[in-house]
PDB file of N, CA and C in Angstrom:
ATOM      1  N   UNK A   1      -8.072  -3.562  -9.333  1.00  0.00           N
ATOM      2  CA  UNK A   1      -6.629  -3.691  -9.318  1.00  0.00           C
ATOM      3  C   UNK A   1      -6.283  -5.055  -8.738  1.00  0.00           C
ATOM      4  N   UNK A   2      -5.396  -5.773  -9.393  1.00  0.00           N
ATOM      5  CA  UNK A   2      -4.941  -7.075  -8.928  1.00  0.00           C
ATOM      6  C   UNK A   2      -3.553  -6.899  -8.343  1.00  0.00           C
ATOM      7  N   UNK A   3      -3.392  -7.257  -7.073  1.00  0.00           N
ATOM      8  CA  UNK A   3      -2.088  -7.211  -6.428  1.00  0.00           C
ATOM      9  C   UNK A   3      -1.600  -8.628  -6.235  1.00  0.00           C
ATOM     10  N   UNK A   4      -0.338  -8.874  -6.523  1.00  0.00           N
ATOM     11  CA  UNK A   4       0.241 -10.185  -6.271  1.00  0.00           C
ATOM     12  C   UNK A   4       1.456  -9.980  -5.393  1.00  0.00           C
ATOM     13  N   UNK A   5       1.426 -10.589  -4.218  1.00  0.00           N
ATOM     14  CA  UNK A   5       2.500 -10.480  -3.255  1.00  0.00           C
ATOM     15  C   UNK A   5       2.930 -11.878  -2.854  1.00  0.00           C
ATOM     16  N   UNK A   6       4.214 -12.054  -2.587  1.00  0.00           N
ATOM     17  CA  UNK A   6       4.703 -13.348  -2.149  1.00  0.00           C
ATOM     18  C   UNK A   6       4.782 -14.348  -3.279  1.00  0.00           C
ATOM     19  N   UNK A   7       4.825 -13.883  -4.506  1.00  0.00           N
ATOM     20  CA  UNK A   7       4.872 -14.759  -5.670  1.00  0.00           C
ATOM     21  C   UNK A   7       6.253 -15.397  -5.775  1.00  0.00           C
ATOM     22  N   UNK A   8       6.325 -16.693  -6.058  1.00  0.00           N
ATOM     23  CA  UNK A   8       7.631 -17.346  -6.169  1.00  0.00           C
ATOM     24  C   UNK A   8       8.453 -16.764  -7.308  1.00  0.00           C
ATOM     25  N   UNK A   9       9.754 -16.850  -7.190  1.00  0.00           N
ATOM     26  CA  UNK A   9      10.648 -16.263  -8.169  1.00  0.00           C
ATOM     27  C   UNK A   9      10.985 -17.245  -9.296  1.00  0.00           C
ATOM     28  N   UNK A  10      10.179 -18.268  -9.474  1.00  0.00           N
ATOM     29  CA  UNK A  10      10.431 -19.265 -10.507  1.00  0.00           C
ATOM     30  C   UNK A  10       9.999 -18.737 -11.871  1.00  0.00           C
ATOM     31  N   UNK A  11      10.415 -19.449 -12.918  1.00  0.00           N
ATOM     32  CA  UNK A  11      10.025 -19.057 -14.269  1.00  0.00           C
ATOM     33  C   UNK A  11       8.522 -19.229 -14.478  1.00  0.00           C
ATOM     34  N   UNK A  12       7.893 -20.131 -13.724  1.00  0.00           N
ATOM     35  CA  UNK A  12       6.450 -20.324 -13.832  1.00  0.00           C
ATOM     36  C   UNK A  12       5.704 -19.033 -13.519  1.00  0.00           C
ATOM     37  N   UNK A  13       6.148 -18.312 -12.486  1.00  0.00           N
ATOM     38  CA  UNK A  13       5.483 -17.068 -12.097  1.00  0.00           C
ATOM     39  C   UNK A  13       5.595 -16.017 -13.194  1.00  0.00           C
ATOM     40  N   UNK A  14       6.658 -16.070 -13.987  1.00  0.00           N
ATOM     41  CA  UNK A  14       6.850 -15.082 -15.045  1.00  0.00           C
ATOM     42  C   UNK A  14       6.237 -15.514 -16.370  1.00  0.00           C
ATOM     43  N   UNK A  15       5.724 -16.737 -16.452  1.00  0.00           N
ATOM     44  CA  UNK A  15       5.184 -17.216 -17.720  1.00  0.00           C
ATOM     45  C   UNK A  15       3.668 -17.092 -17.809  1.00  0.00           C
ATOM     46  N   UNK A  16       3.036 -16.534 -16.800  1.00  0.00           N
ATOM     47  CA  UNK A  16       1.588 -16.343 -16.834  1.00  0.00           C
ATOM     48  C   UNK A  16       1.274 -15.215 -17.813  1.00  0.00           C
ATOM     49  N   UNK A  17       0.248 -15.402 -18.637  1.00  0.00           N
ATOM     50  CA  UNK A  17      -0.115 -14.412 -19.643  1.00  0.00           C
ATOM     51  C   UNK A  17      -1.319 -13.614 -19.146  1.00  0.00           C
ATOM     52  N   UNK A  18      -1.216 -12.284 -19.237  1.00  0.00           N
ATOM     53  CA  UNK A  18      -2.302 -11.387 -18.834  1.00  0.00           C
ATOM     54  C   UNK A  18      -2.663 -10.512 -20.023  1.00  0.00           C
ATOM     55  N   UNK A  19      -3.944 -10.141 -20.114  1.00  0.00           N
ATOM     56  CA  UNK A  19      -4.303  -9.186 -21.154  1.00  0.00           C
ATOM     57  C   UNK A  19      -4.108  -7.768 -20.624  1.00  0.00           C
ATOM     58  N   UNK A  20      -4.318  -6.798 -21.472  1.00  0.00           N
ATOM     59  CA  UNK A  20      -4.072  -5.398 -21.138  1.00  0.00           C
ATOM     60  C   UNK A  20      -4.885  -4.929 -19.941  1.00  0.00           C
ATOM     61  N   UNK A  21      -6.090  -5.433 -19.783  1.00  0.00           N
ATOM     62  CA  UNK A  21      -6.986  -4.952 -18.735  1.00  0.00           C
ATOM     63  C   UNK A  21      -6.858  -5.706 -17.415  1.00  0.00           C
ATOM     64  N   UNK A  22      -6.038  -6.740 -17.365  1.00  0.00           N
ATOM     65  CA  UNK A  22      -5.910  -7.492 -16.117  1.00  0.00           C
ATOM     66  C   UNK A  22      -4.457  -7.609 -15.661  1.00  0.00           C
ATOM     67  N   UNK A  23      -3.598  -6.742 -16.143  1.00  0.00           N
ATOM     68  CA  UNK A  23      -2.194  -6.778 -15.758  1.00  0.00           C
ATOM     69  C   UNK A  23      -2.071  -6.509 -14.254  1.00  0.00           C
ATOM     70  N   UNK A  24      -1.480  -7.428 -13.508  1.00  0.00           N
ATOM     71  CA  UNK A  24      -1.392  -7.251 -12.053  1.00  0.00           C
ATOM     72  C   UNK A  24      -0.243  -6.331 -11.656  1.00  0.00           C
ATOM     73  N   UNK A  25      -0.299  -5.887 -10.428  1.00  0.00           N
ATOM     74  CA  UNK A  25       0.799  -5.141  -9.824  1.00  0.00           C
ATOM     75  C   UNK A  25       1.517  -6.113  -8.896  1.00  0.00           C
ATOM     76  N   UNK A  26       2.773  -6.425  -9.199  1.00  0.00           N
ATOM     77  CA  UNK A  26       3.563  -7.305  -8.350  1.00  0.00           C
ATOM     78  C   UNK A  26       4.214  -6.452  -7.276  1.00  0.00           C
ATOM     79  N   UNK A  27       4.045  -6.835  -6.011  1.00  0.00           N
ATOM     80  CA  UNK A  27       4.603  -6.054  -4.910  1.00  0.00           C
ATOM     81  C   UNK A  27       5.486  -6.941  -4.037  1.00  0.00           C
ATOM     82  N   UNK A  28       6.518  -6.343  -3.491  1.00  0.00           N
ATOM     83  CA  UNK A  28       7.425  -7.046  -2.594  1.00  0.00           C
ATOM     84  C   UNK A  28       6.947  -6.922  -1.157  1.00  0.00           C
ATOM     85  N   UNK A  29       7.481  -7.794  -0.300  1.00  0.00           N
ATOM     86  CA  UNK A  29       7.215  -7.647   1.126  1.00  0.00           C
ATOM     87  C   UNK A  29       7.776  -6.301   1.576  1.00  0.00           C
ATOM     88  N   UNK A  30       7.279  -5.821   2.709  1.00  0.00           N
ATOM     89  CA  UNK A  30       7.664  -4.518   3.259  1.00  0.00           C
ATOM     90  C   UNK A  30       7.359  -3.373   2.304  1.00  0.00           C
ATOM     91  N   UNK A  31       6.225  -3.475   1.608  1.00  0.00           N
ATOM     92  CA  UNK A  31       5.812  -2.416   0.689  1.00  0.00           C
ATOM     93  C   UNK A  31       4.607  -1.688   1.256  1.00  0.00           C
ATOM     94  N   UNK A  32       4.669  -0.368   1.218  1.00  0.00           N
ATOM     95  CA  UNK A  32       3.510   0.477   1.478  1.00  0.00           C
ATOM     96  C   UNK A  32       3.276   1.242   0.178  1.00  0.00           C
ATOM     97  N   UNK A  33       2.214   0.879  -0.526  1.00  0.00           N
ATOM     98  CA  UNK A  33       1.909   1.439  -1.837  1.00  0.00           C
ATOM     99  C   UNK A  33       0.782   2.452  -1.686  1.00  0.00           C
ATOM    100  N   UNK A  34       1.077   3.713  -1.985  1.00  0.00           N
ATOM    101  CA  UNK A  34       0.066   4.767  -1.895  1.00  0.00           C
ATOM    102  C   UNK A  34      -0.679   4.851  -3.222  1.00  0.00           C
ATOM    103  N   UNK A  35      -2.011   4.722  -3.153  1.00  0.00           N
ATOM    104  CA  UNK A  35      -2.830   4.793  -4.363  1.00  0.00           C
ATOM    105  C   UNK A  35      -3.925   5.833  -4.181  1.00  0.00           C
ATOM    106  N   UNK A  36      -4.019   6.718  -5.154  1.00  0.00           N
ATOM    107  CA  UNK A  36      -5.025   7.766  -5.128  1.00  0.00           C
ATOM    108  C   UNK A  36      -6.400   7.243  -5.483  1.00  0.00           C
ATOM    109  N   UNK A  37      -7.393   8.085  -5.279  1.00  0.00           N
ATOM    110  CA  UNK A  37      -8.773   7.664  -5.488  1.00  0.00           C
ATOM    111  C   UNK A  37      -9.279   7.913  -6.906  1.00  0.00           C
ATOM    112  N   UNK A  38      -8.569   8.673  -7.700  1.00  0.00           N
ATOM    113  CA  UNK A  38      -9.058   9.048  -9.017  1.00  0.00           C
ATOM    114  C   UNK A  38      -8.376   8.208 -10.093  1.00  0.00           C
ATOM    115  N   UNK A  39      -9.143   7.376 -10.778  1.00  0.00           N
ATOM    116  CA  UNK A  39      -8.568   6.571 -11.856  1.00  0.00           C
ATOM    117  C   UNK A  39      -8.987   7.089 -13.232  1.00  0.00           C
ATOM    118  N   UNK A  40      -9.512   8.322 -13.281  1.00  0.00           N
ATOM    119  CA  UNK A  40      -9.964   8.913 -14.538  1.00  0.00           C
ATOM    120  C   UNK A  40      -9.049  10.033 -15.040  1.00  0.00           C
ATOM    121  N   UNK A  41      -8.295  10.673 -14.130  1.00  0.00           N
ATOM    122  CA  UNK A  41      -7.446  11.806 -14.506  1.00  0.00           C
ATOM    123  C   UNK A  41      -6.009  11.567 -14.063  1.00  0.00           C
ATOM    124  N   UNK A  42      -5.041  12.043 -14.833  1.00  0.00           N
ATOM    125  CA  UNK A  42      -3.641  11.894 -14.428  1.00  0.00           C
ATOM    126  C   UNK A  42      -3.198  12.965 -13.430  1.00  0.00           C
ATOM    127  N   UNK A  43      -3.904  14.081 -13.385  1.00  0.00           N
ATOM    128  CA  UNK A  43      -3.517  15.175 -12.503  1.00  0.00           C
ATOM    129  C   UNK A  43      -4.692  15.560 -11.601  1.00  0.00           C
ATOM    130  N   UNK A  44      -4.535  15.257 -10.329  1.00  0.00           N
ATOM    131  CA  UNK A  44      -5.547  15.561  -9.318  1.00  0.00           C
ATOM    132  C   UNK A  44      -4.812  15.669  -7.984  1.00  0.00           C
ATOM    133  N   UNK A  45      -5.506  15.933  -6.926  1.00  0.00           N
ATOM    134  CA  UNK A  45      -4.893  16.035  -5.597  1.00  0.00           C
ATOM    135  C   UNK A  45      -4.587  14.622  -5.112  1.00  0.00           C
ATOM    136  N   UNK A  46      -3.359  14.131  -5.386  1.00  0.00           N
ATOM    137  CA  UNK A  46      -2.988  12.743  -5.096  1.00  0.00           C
ATOM    138  C   UNK A  46      -3.147  12.366  -3.622  1.00  0.00           C
ATOM    139  N   UNK A  47      -2.871  13.281  -2.717  1.00  0.00           N
ATOM    140  CA  UNK A  47      -2.913  12.967  -1.286  1.00  0.00           C
ATOM    141  C   UNK A  47      -4.336  12.874  -0.740  1.00  0.00           C
ATOM    142  N   UNK A  48      -5.281  13.506  -1.393  1.00  0.00           N
ATOM    143  CA  UNK A  48      -6.659  13.517  -0.896  1.00  0.00           C
ATOM    144  C   UNK A  48      -7.256  12.118  -0.974  1.00  0.00           C
ATOM    145  N   UNK A  49      -7.651  11.577   0.175  1.00  0.00           N
ATOM    146  CA  UNK A  49      -8.245  10.239   0.299  1.00  0.00           C
ATOM    147  C   UNK A  49      -7.339   9.118  -0.210  1.00  0.00           C
ATOM    148  N   UNK A  50      -6.038   9.318  -0.139  1.00  0.00           N
ATOM    149  CA  UNK A  50      -5.089   8.298  -0.580  1.00  0.00           C
ATOM    150  C   UNK A  50      -5.232   7.057   0.301  1.00  0.00           C
ATOM    151  N   UNK A  51      -5.066   5.884  -0.297  1.00  0.00           N
ATOM    152  CA  UNK A  51      -5.115   4.625   0.445  1.00  0.00           C
ATOM    153  C   UNK A  51      -3.697   4.072   0.513  1.00  0.00           C
ATOM    154  N   UNK A  52      -3.241   3.785   1.719  1.00  0.00           N
ATOM    155  CA  UNK A  52      -1.919   3.208   1.939  1.00  0.00           C
ATOM    156  C   UNK A  52      -2.082   1.694   2.027  1.00  0.00           C
ATOM    157  N   UNK A  53      -1.647   0.982   0.997  1.00  0.00           N
ATOM    158  CA  UNK A  53      -1.770  -0.469   0.935  1.00  0.00           C
ATOM    159  C   UNK A  53      -0.530  -1.088   1.572  1.00  0.00           C
ATOM    160  N   UNK A  54      -0.727  -1.876   2.638  1.00  0.00           N
ATOM    161  CA  UNK A  54       0.373  -2.519   3.358  1.00  0.00           C
ATOM    162  C   UNK A  54       0.487  -3.974   2.930  1.00  0.00           C
ATOM    163  N   UNK A  55       1.694  -4.368   2.494  1.00  0.00           N
ATOM    164  CA  UNK A  55       1.946  -5.734   2.047  1.00  0.00           C
ATOM    165  C   UNK A  55       3.062  -6.362   2.860  1.00  0.00           C
ATOM    166  N   UNK A  56       2.732  -7.430   3.590  1.00  0.00           N
ATOM    167  CA  UNK A  56       3.705  -8.263   4.281  1.00  0.00           C
ATOM    168  C   UNK A  56       4.782  -7.457   5.018  1.00  0.00           C
ATOM    169  N   UNK A  57       4.357  -6.578   5.897  1.00  0.00           N
ATOM    170  CA  UNK A  57       5.298  -5.789   6.686  1.00  0.00           C
ATOM    171  C   UNK A  57       5.947  -6.720   7.709  1.00  0.00           C
ATOM    172  N   UNK A  58       7.250  -6.848   7.643  1.00  0.00           N
ATOM    173  CA  UNK A  58       7.996  -7.777   8.491  1.00  0.00           C
ATOM    174  C   UNK A  58       8.425  -7.099   9.794  1.00  0.00           C
ATOM    175  N   UNK A  59       8.637  -7.914  10.824  1.00  0.00           N
ATOM    176  CA  UNK A  59       9.057  -7.417  12.134  1.00  0.00           C
ATOM    177  C   UNK A  59      10.350  -6.614  11.992  1.00  0.00           C
ATOM    178  N   UNK A  60      10.371  -5.436  12.581  1.00  0.00           N
ATOM    179  CA  UNK A  60      11.539  -4.564  12.544  1.00  0.00           C
ATOM    180  C   UNK A  60      11.556  -3.591  11.383  1.00  0.00           C
ATOM    181  N   UNK A  61      10.616  -3.729  10.453  1.00  0.00           N
ATOM    182  CA  UNK A  61      10.590  -2.846   9.279  1.00  0.00           C
ATOM    183  C   UNK A  61      10.150  -1.440   9.662  1.00  0.00           C
ATOM    184  N   UNK A  62      10.801  -0.448   9.065  1.00  0.00           N
ATOM    185  CA  UNK A  62      10.414   0.955   9.181  1.00  0.00           C
ATOM    186  C   UNK A  62      10.368   1.514   7.768  1.00  0.00           C
ATOM    187  N   UNK A  63       9.189   1.964   7.339  1.00  0.00           N
ATOM    188  CA  UNK A  63       8.977   2.378   5.959  1.00  0.00           C
ATOM    189  C   UNK A  63       8.414   3.793   5.931  1.00  0.00           C
ATOM    190  N   UNK A  64       9.022   4.646   5.126  1.00  0.00           N
ATOM    191  CA  UNK A  64       8.527   6.007   4.925  1.00  0.00           C
ATOM    192  C   UNK A  64       7.978   6.099   3.513  1.00  0.00           C
ATOM    193  N   UNK A  65       6.745   6.578   3.392  1.00  0.00           N
ATOM    194  CA  UNK A  65       6.082   6.718   2.099  1.00  0.00           C
ATOM    195  C   UNK A  65       5.723   8.176   1.896  1.00  0.00           C
ATOM    196  N   UNK A  66       6.159   8.743   0.775  1.00  0.00           N
ATOM    197  CA  UNK A  66       5.860  10.136   0.466  1.00  0.00           C
ATOM    198  C   UNK A  66       4.848  10.215  -0.667  1.00  0.00           C
ATOM    199  N   UNK A  67       3.870  11.112  -0.512  1.00  0.00           N
ATOM    200  CA  UNK A  67       2.882  11.375  -1.554  1.00  0.00           C
ATOM    201  C   UNK A  67       3.104  12.810  -1.999  1.00  0.00           C
ATOM    202  N   UNK A  68       3.208  13.002  -3.312  1.00  0.00           N
ATOM    203  CA  UNK A  68       3.485  14.329  -3.845  1.00  0.00           C
ATOM    204  C   UNK A  68       2.235  14.958  -4.445  1.00  0.00           C
ATOM    205  N   UNK A  69       2.358  16.243  -4.760  1.00  0.00           N
ATOM    206  CA  UNK A  69       1.306  16.898  -5.529  1.00  0.00           C
ATOM    207  C   UNK A  69       1.690  16.794  -7.014  1.00  0.00           C
ATOM    208  N   UNK A  70       0.930  17.413  -7.900  1.00  0.00           N
ATOM    209  CA  UNK A  70       1.193  17.275  -9.331  1.00  0.00           C
ATOM    210  C   UNK A  70       2.521  17.892  -9.760  1.00  0.00           C
ATOM    211  N   UNK A  71       3.070  18.796  -8.950  1.00  0.00           N
ATOM    212  CA  UNK A  71       4.360  19.409  -9.297  1.00  0.00           C
ATOM    213  C   UNK A  71       5.544  18.639  -8.713  1.00  0.00           C
ATOM    214  N   UNK A  72       5.268  17.571  -7.955  1.00  0.00           N
ATOM    215  CA  UNK A  72       6.343  16.760  -7.389  1.00  0.00           C
ATOM    216  C   UNK A  72       6.747  17.146  -5.981  1.00  0.00           C
ATOM    217  N   UNK A  73       6.074  18.104  -5.386  1.00  0.00           N
ATOM    218  CA  UNK A  73       6.363  18.519  -4.013  1.00  0.00           C
ATOM    219  C   UNK A  73       5.697  17.543  -3.044  1.00  0.00           C
ATOM    220  N   UNK A  74       6.445  17.066  -2.046  1.00  0.00           N
ATOM    221  CA  UNK A  74       5.896  16.162  -1.043  1.00  0.00           C
ATOM    222  C   UNK A  74       4.870  16.892  -0.182  1.00  0.00           C
ATOM    223  N   UNK A  75       3.652  16.351  -0.138  1.00  0.00           N
ATOM    224  CA  UNK A  75       2.585  16.981   0.644  1.00  0.00           C
ATOM    225  C   UNK A  75       2.084  16.104   1.784  1.00  0.00           C
ATOM    226  N   UNK A  76       2.444  14.801   1.762  1.00  0.00           N
ATOM    227  CA  UNK A  76       2.021  13.888   2.816  1.00  0.00           C
ATOM    228  C   UNK A  76       3.114  12.845   3.017  1.00  0.00           C
ATOM    229  N   UNK A  77       3.472  12.620   4.270  1.00  0.00           N
ATOM    230  CA  UNK A  77       4.460  11.591   4.603  1.00  0.00           C
ATOM    231  C   UNK A  77       3.806  10.617   5.570  1.00  0.00           C
ATOM    232  N   UNK A  78       3.871   9.331   5.223  1.00  0.00           N
ATOM    233  CA  UNK A  78       3.343   8.268   6.086  1.00  0.00           C
ATOM    234  C   UNK A  78       4.512   7.442   6.594  1.00  0.00           C
ATOM    235  N   UNK A  79       4.520   7.153   7.883  1.00  0.00           N
ATOM    236  CA  UNK A  79       5.550   6.311   8.489  1.00  0.00           C
ATOM    237  C   UNK A  79       4.890   5.035   9.003  1.00  0.00           C
ATOM    238  N   UNK A  80       5.427   3.902   8.559  1.00  0.00           N
ATOM    239  CA  UNK A  80       4.915   2.595   8.949  1.00  0.00           C
ATOM    240  C   UNK A  80       6.029   1.844   9.646  1.00  0.00           C
ATOM    241  N   UNK A  81       5.702   1.255  10.791  1.00  0.00           N
ATOM    242  CA  UNK A  81       6.718   0.553  11.581  1.00  0.00           C
ATOM    243  C   UNK A  81       6.087  -0.688  12.199  1.00  0.00           C
ATOM    244  N   UNK A  82       6.827  -1.805  12.130  1.00  0.00           N
ATOM    245  CA  UNK A  82       6.332  -3.025  12.768  1.00  0.00           C
ATOM    246  C   UNK A  82       7.276  -3.436  13.879  1.00  0.00           C
ATOM    247  N   UNK A  83       6.678  -3.687  15.047  1.00  0.00           N
ATOM    248  CA  UNK A  83       7.384  -4.219  16.208  1.00  0.00           C
ATOM    249  C   UNK A  83       6.576  -5.395  16.719  1.00  0.00           C
ATOM    250  N   UNK A  84       7.106  -6.607  16.537  1.00  0.00           N
ATOM    251  CA  UNK A  84       6.377  -7.805  16.946  1.00  0.00           C
ATOM    252  C   UNK A  84       5.104  -7.954  16.144  1.00  0.00           C
ATOM    253  N   UNK A  85       3.978  -8.064  16.837  1.00  0.00           N
ATOM    254  CA  UNK A  85       2.683  -8.229  16.166  1.00  0.00           C
ATOM    255  C   UNK A  85       1.912  -6.921  16.041  1.00  0.00           C
ATOM    256  N   UNK A  86       2.612  -5.804  16.140  1.00  0.00           N
ATOM    257  CA  UNK A  86       1.966  -4.499  16.048  1.00  0.00           C
ATOM    258  C   UNK A  86       2.578  -3.687  14.920  1.00  0.00           C
ATOM    259  N   UNK A  87       1.715  -3.182  14.040  1.00  0.00           N
ATOM    260  CA  UNK A  87       2.133  -2.289  12.966  1.00  0.00           C
ATOM    261  C   UNK A  87       1.512  -0.928  13.258  1.00  0.00           C
ATOM    262  N   UNK A  88       2.356   0.106  13.315  1.00  0.00           N
ATOM    263  CA  UNK A  88       1.834   1.456  13.530  1.00  0.00           C
ATOM    264  C   UNK A  88       1.988   2.261  12.241  1.00  0.00           C
ATOM    265  N   UNK A  89       0.957   3.053  11.942  1.00  0.00           N
ATOM    266  CA  UNK A  89       0.959   3.903  10.761  1.00  0.00           C
ATOM    267  C   UNK A  89       0.603   5.311  11.213  1.00  0.00           C
ATOM    268  N   UNK A  90       1.497   6.269  10.935  1.00  0.00           N
ATOM    269  CA  UNK A  90       1.232   7.670  11.250  1.00  0.00           C
ATOM    270  C   UNK A  90       1.421   8.503   9.992  1.00  0.00           C
ATOM    271  N   UNK A  91       0.668   9.593   9.905  1.00  0.00           N
ATOM    272  CA  UNK A  91       0.805  10.524   8.782  1.00  0.00           C
ATOM    273  C   UNK A  91       0.973  11.927   9.328  1.00  0.00           C
ATOM    274  N   UNK A  92       1.669  12.764   8.566  1.00  0.00           N
ATOM    275  CA  UNK A  92       1.914  14.120   9.034  1.00  0.00           C
ATOM    276  C   UNK A  92       0.771  15.090   8.713  1.00  0.00           C
ATOM    277  N   UNK A  93      -0.105  14.752   7.782  1.00  0.00           N
ATOM    278  CA  UNK A  93      -1.223  15.627   7.426  1.00  0.00           C
ATOM    279  C   UNK A  93      -2.523  14.829   7.318  1.00  0.00           C
ATOM    280  N   UNK A  94      -3.136  14.482   8.465  1.00  0.00           N
ATOM    281  CA  UNK A  94      -4.367  13.679   8.430  1.00  0.00           C
ATOM    282  C   UNK A  94      -5.549  14.404   7.788  1.00  0.00           C
ATOM    283  N   UNK A  95      -5.438  15.698   7.576  1.00  0.00           N
ATOM    284  CA  UNK A  95      -6.549  16.434   6.950  1.00  0.00           C
ATOM    285  C   UNK A  95      -6.802  15.983   5.509  1.00  0.00           C
ATOM    286  N   UNK A  96      -5.873  15.241   4.916  1.00  0.00           N
ATOM    287  CA  UNK A  96      -6.088  14.682   3.578  1.00  0.00           C
ATOM    288  C   UNK A  96      -6.963  13.423   3.612  1.00  0.00           C
ATOM    289  N   UNK A  97      -7.306  12.937   4.785  1.00  0.00           N
ATOM    290  CA  UNK A  97      -8.171  11.769   4.980  1.00  0.00           C
ATOM    291  C   UNK A  97      -7.609  10.487   4.363  1.00  0.00           C
ATOM    292  N   UNK A  98      -6.350  10.182   4.628  1.00  0.00           N
ATOM    293  CA  UNK A  98      -5.815   8.912   4.125  1.00  0.00           C
ATOM    294  C   UNK A  98      -6.422   7.740   4.893  1.00  0.00           C
ATOM    295  N   UNK A  99      -6.329   6.550   4.313  1.00  0.00           N
ATOM    296  CA  UNK A  99      -6.778   5.341   4.993  1.00  0.00           C
ATOM    297  C   UNK A  99      -5.757   4.238   4.732  1.00  0.00           C
ATOM    298  N   UNK A 100      -5.939   3.111   5.408  1.00  0.00           N
ATOM    299  CA  UNK A 100      -5.006   1.996   5.323  1.00  0.00           C
ATOM    300  C   UNK A 100      -5.751   0.755   4.857  1.00  0.00           C
ATOM    301  N   UNK A 101      -5.155   0.014   3.910  1.00  0.00           N
ATOM    302  CA  UNK A 101      -5.684  -1.274   3.466  1.00  0.00           C
ATOM    303  C   UNK A 101      -4.592  -2.307   3.734  1.00  0.00           C
ATOM    304  N   UNK A 102      -4.906  -3.287   4.579  1.00  0.00           N
ATOM    305  CA  UNK A 102      -3.951  -4.313   4.978  1.00  0.00           C
ATOM    306  C   UNK A 102      -4.192  -5.557   4.133  1.00  0.00           C
ATOM    307  N   UNK A 103      -3.166  -5.999   3.414  1.00  0.00           N
ATOM    308  CA  UNK A 103      -3.281  -7.148   2.522  1.00  0.00           C
ATOM    309  C   UNK A 103      -2.645  -8.380   3.143  1.00  0.00           C
ATOM    310  N   UNK A 104      -3.477  -9.359   3.491  1.00  0.00           N
ATOM    311  CA  UNK A 104      -3.017 -10.681   3.863  1.00  0.00           C
ATOM    312  C   UNK A 104      -2.190 -10.808   5.125  1.00  0.00           C
ATOM    313  N   UNK A 105      -2.174  -9.843   5.990  1.00  0.00           N
ATOM    314  CA  UNK A 105      -1.410  -9.956   7.248  1.00  0.00           C
ATOM    315  C   UNK A 105      -2.388 -10.287   8.358  1.00  0.00           C
ATOM    316  N   UNK A 106      -2.420 -11.552   8.776  1.00  0.00           N
ATOM    317  CA  UNK A 106      -3.317 -11.962   9.844  1.00  0.00           C
ATOM    318  C   UNK A 106      -2.563 -11.988  11.167  1.00  0.00           C
ATOM    319  N   UNK A 107      -3.283 -11.796  12.244  1.00  0.00           N
ATOM    320  CA  UNK A 107      -2.683 -11.840  13.569  1.00  0.00           C
ATOM    321  C   UNK A 107      -1.834 -10.636  13.902  1.00  0.00           C
ATOM    322  N   UNK A 108      -2.030  -9.544  13.173  1.00  0.00           N
ATOM    323  CA  UNK A 108      -1.254  -8.327  13.386  1.00  0.00           C
ATOM    324  C   UNK A 108      -2.209  -7.208  13.797  1.00  0.00           C
ATOM    325  N   UNK A 109      -1.857  -6.486  14.853  1.00  0.00           N
ATOM    326  CA  UNK A 109      -2.657  -5.344  15.293  1.00  0.00           C
ATOM    327  C   UNK A 109      -2.156  -4.091  14.581  1.00  0.00           C
ATOM    328  N   UNK A 110      -3.083  -3.295  14.074  1.00  0.00           N
ATOM    329  CA  UNK A 110      -2.741  -2.058  13.384  1.00  0.00           C
ATOM    330  C   UNK A 110      -3.060  -0.897  14.324  1.00  0.00           C
ATOM    331  N   UNK A 111      -2.033  -0.116  14.660  1.00  0.00           N
ATOM    332  CA  UNK A 111      -2.224   1.056  15.507  1.00  0.00           C
ATOM    333  C   UNK A 111      -2.139   2.302  14.636  1.00  0.00           C
ATOM    334  N   UNK A 112      -3.252   3.001  14.535  1.00  0.00           N
ATOM    335  CA  UNK A 112      -3.308   4.215  13.738  1.00  0.00           C
ATOM    336  C   UNK A 112      -4.591   4.954  14.054  1.00  0.00           C
ATOM    337  N   UNK A 113      -4.617   6.236  13.733  1.00  0.00           N
ATOM    338  CA  UNK A 113      -5.838   7.019  13.868  1.00  0.00           C
ATOM    339  C   UNK A 113      -6.620   7.032  12.558  1.00  0.00           C
ATOM    340  N   UNK A 114      -6.099   6.350  11.546  1.00  0.00           N
ATOM    341  CA  UNK A 114      -6.723   6.320  10.230  1.00  0.00           C
ATOM    342  C   UNK A 114      -7.725   5.178  10.135  1.00  0.00           C
ATOM    343  N   UNK A 115      -8.611   5.263   9.156  1.00  0.00           N
ATOM    344  CA  UNK A 115      -9.532   4.160   8.882  1.00  0.00           C
ATOM    345  C   UNK A 115      -8.713   2.983   8.360  1.00  0.00           C
ATOM    346  N   UNK A 116      -9.003   1.787   8.853  1.00  0.00           N
ATOM    347  CA  UNK A 116      -8.269   0.585   8.455  1.00  0.00           C
ATOM    348  C   UNK A 116      -9.242  -0.441   7.887  1.00  0.00           C
ATOM    349  N   UNK A 117      -8.859  -1.028   6.730  1.00  0.00           N
ATOM    350  CA  UNK A 117      -9.615  -2.110   6.121  1.00  0.00           C
ATOM    351  C   UNK A 117      -8.673  -3.258   5.859  1.00  0.00           C
ATOM    352  N   UNK A 118      -9.217  -4.468   5.821  1.00  0.00           N
ATOM    353  CA  UNK A 118      -8.415  -5.676   5.615  1.00  0.00           C
ATOM    354  C   UNK A 118      -8.917  -6.433   4.396  1.00  0.00           C
ATOM    355  N   UNK A 119      -7.980  -7.053   3.681  1.00  0.00           N
ATOM    356  CA  UNK A 119      -8.359  -7.882   2.550  1.00  0.00           C
ATOM    357  C   UNK A 119      -7.310  -8.957   2.286  1.00  0.00           C
ATOM    358  N   UNK A 120      -7.769 -10.070   1.776  1.00  0.00           N
ATOM    359  CA  UNK A 120      -6.864 -11.103   1.274  1.00  0.00           C
ATOM    360  C   UNK A 120      -6.895 -11.090  -0.252  1.00  0.00           C
ATOM    361  N   UNK A 121      -7.760 -10.256  -0.821  1.00  0.00           N
ATOM    362  CA  UNK A 121      -7.929 -10.184  -2.271  1.00  0.00           C
ATOM    363  C   UNK A 121      -6.617  -9.788  -2.951  1.00  0.00           C
ATOM    364  N   UNK A 122      -6.237 -10.573  -3.934  1.00  0.00           N
ATOM    365  CA  UNK A 122      -5.055 -10.238  -4.716  1.00  0.00           C
ATOM    366  C   UNK A 122      -3.749 -10.679  -4.108  1.00  0.00           C
ATOM    367  N   UNK A 123      -3.783 -11.324  -2.952  1.00  0.00           N
ATOM    368  CA  UNK A 123      -2.538 -11.776  -2.329  1.00  0.00           C
ATOM    369  C   UNK A 123      -2.398 -13.261  -2.562  1.00  0.00           C
ATOM    370  N   UNK A 124      -1.276 -13.653  -3.150  1.00  0.00           N
ATOM    371  CA  UNK A 124      -1.021 -15.069  -3.426  1.00  0.00           C
ATOM    372  C   UNK A 124       0.053 -15.551  -2.485  1.00  0.00           C
TER     373      UNK A 124
END
């Protein structure tokens, strides 16, 4: 998956050509994108091992992310909050084994009981 965050709003950014298999996901700052682990089926337990991708969480941001089951019922709620150089992530049902992937935020401490991974991959 290719994530592009912080992309300029110029026409140049919109004129890049991608093929069907490399279409990126453009994300805004203050985004927490929940992505499931199964890329083979459309209907599975979405909350199980879900990865919460954090993009450019700004100071003072409070973000609530809901993950549903296949019928649309909310089964997991994640709350992300940034105060200064600290980002806290809490979930209401840790038994689903969610984790956090931090994209391109350096110098920020992540406070959570979840597994945390960091990457600059896909961030422009």
